[in-house]
Protein backbone atom coordinates (compact mmCIF):
# COMPACT_ATOMS: atom_id res chain seq x y z
CA MET A 1 105.46 77.03 101.38
CA GLN A 2 109.11 77.85 102.21
CA LYS A 3 108.45 77.10 105.89
CA HIS A 4 107.05 73.68 104.93
CA PHE A 5 110.17 72.85 102.94
CA GLU A 6 112.41 73.95 105.80
CA GLN A 7 110.45 71.69 108.17
CA ILE A 8 110.93 68.78 105.77
CA GLU A 9 114.66 69.43 105.64
CA VAL A 10 114.89 69.53 109.44
CA GLU A 11 113.02 66.21 109.60
CA LEU A 12 115.29 64.63 106.98
CA VAL A 13 118.42 65.75 108.83
CA SER A 14 116.97 64.37 112.06
CA ARG A 15 116.32 60.99 110.44
CA ILE A 16 119.81 60.89 108.95
CA TYR A 17 121.35 61.87 112.28
CA LYS A 18 119.55 59.04 114.10
CA GLU A 19 120.83 56.51 111.55
CA PHE A 20 124.30 58.03 111.81
CA LEU A 21 124.35 57.56 115.59
CA VAL A 22 123.38 53.90 115.23
CA LYS A 23 125.67 53.00 112.33
CA PHE A 24 128.69 55.23 113.09
CA ASP A 25 128.39 55.55 116.85
CA GLY A 26 128.89 59.31 116.55
CA ASN A 27 132.14 59.06 114.56
CA LYS A 28 131.82 62.07 112.25
CA SER A 29 135.28 61.60 110.75
CA GLU A 30 134.52 58.11 109.49
CA PHE A 31 131.07 59.13 108.27
CA ALA A 32 132.53 62.11 106.38
CA ARG A 33 135.22 59.93 104.83
CA ILE A 34 132.66 57.45 103.47
CA ALA A 35 130.27 60.22 102.40
CA LEU A 36 133.16 61.94 100.56
CA CYS A 37 132.74 65.27 102.30
CA SER A 38 134.42 67.17 105.10
CA GLU A 39 133.79 66.59 108.77
CA THR A 40 132.98 70.28 109.01
CA THR A 41 130.16 69.81 106.50
CA VAL A 42 128.78 66.89 108.52
CA ARG A 43 128.88 68.91 111.74
CA ARG A 44 127.24 71.95 110.16
CA VAL A 45 124.43 69.94 108.56
CA PHE A 46 123.71 68.09 111.81
CA ARG A 47 123.56 71.45 113.66
CA ASN A 48 121.25 72.89 110.98
CA GLU A 49 123.88 75.53 110.22
CA GLN A 50 124.22 74.42 106.58
CA ARG A 51 121.52 73.43 104.14
CA MET A 52 121.72 69.97 102.66
CA THR A 53 121.98 69.75 98.87
CA VAL A 54 120.55 66.82 96.93
CA ASP A 55 124.11 65.67 96.26
CA LEU A 56 124.90 65.68 99.98
CA LEU A 57 121.64 63.89 100.80
CA LEU A 58 122.59 61.13 98.37
CA ARG A 59 126.12 60.91 99.78
CA PHE A 60 124.77 60.61 103.33
CA CYS A 61 122.31 57.90 102.29
CA PHE A 62 125.13 56.04 100.54
CA ALA A 63 127.34 56.23 103.63
CA LEU A 64 124.47 54.98 105.80
CA LYS A 65 123.61 52.25 103.28
CA ILE A 66 119.98 53.28 103.11
CA ASP A 67 117.79 54.03 100.14
CA VAL A 68 116.81 57.66 99.77
CA ASN A 69 113.16 56.53 99.67
CA GLU A 70 113.50 55.29 103.26
CA ILE A 71 114.48 58.76 104.42
CA PHE A 72 111.39 60.28 102.75
CA GLU A 73 108.98 57.62 104.01
CA GLY A 74 105.85 59.27 105.39
CA ILE A 75 106.85 62.77 104.31
CA SER A 76 104.46 64.60 102.00
CA ILE A 77 105.97 67.30 99.83
CA LEU A 78 102.54 68.48 98.72
CA LYS A 79 100.30 69.77 101.46
């Protein structure tokens, strides 16, 4: 089960990263400023070096101006 959750997290980060590239053109400083976190946190999450908390997920969605439900679209928590 843990492996499944880790795969979901990797998929969520991937989806967020793709949106980030489109909406922020790779500008991690600006993204971090709007998401109210450090640029280091952004870099570490995108490199899968830091786990993403629910709070951080919500901040990233806010910065990207997308609903959290969009990020989870098509992902099944229960297998």
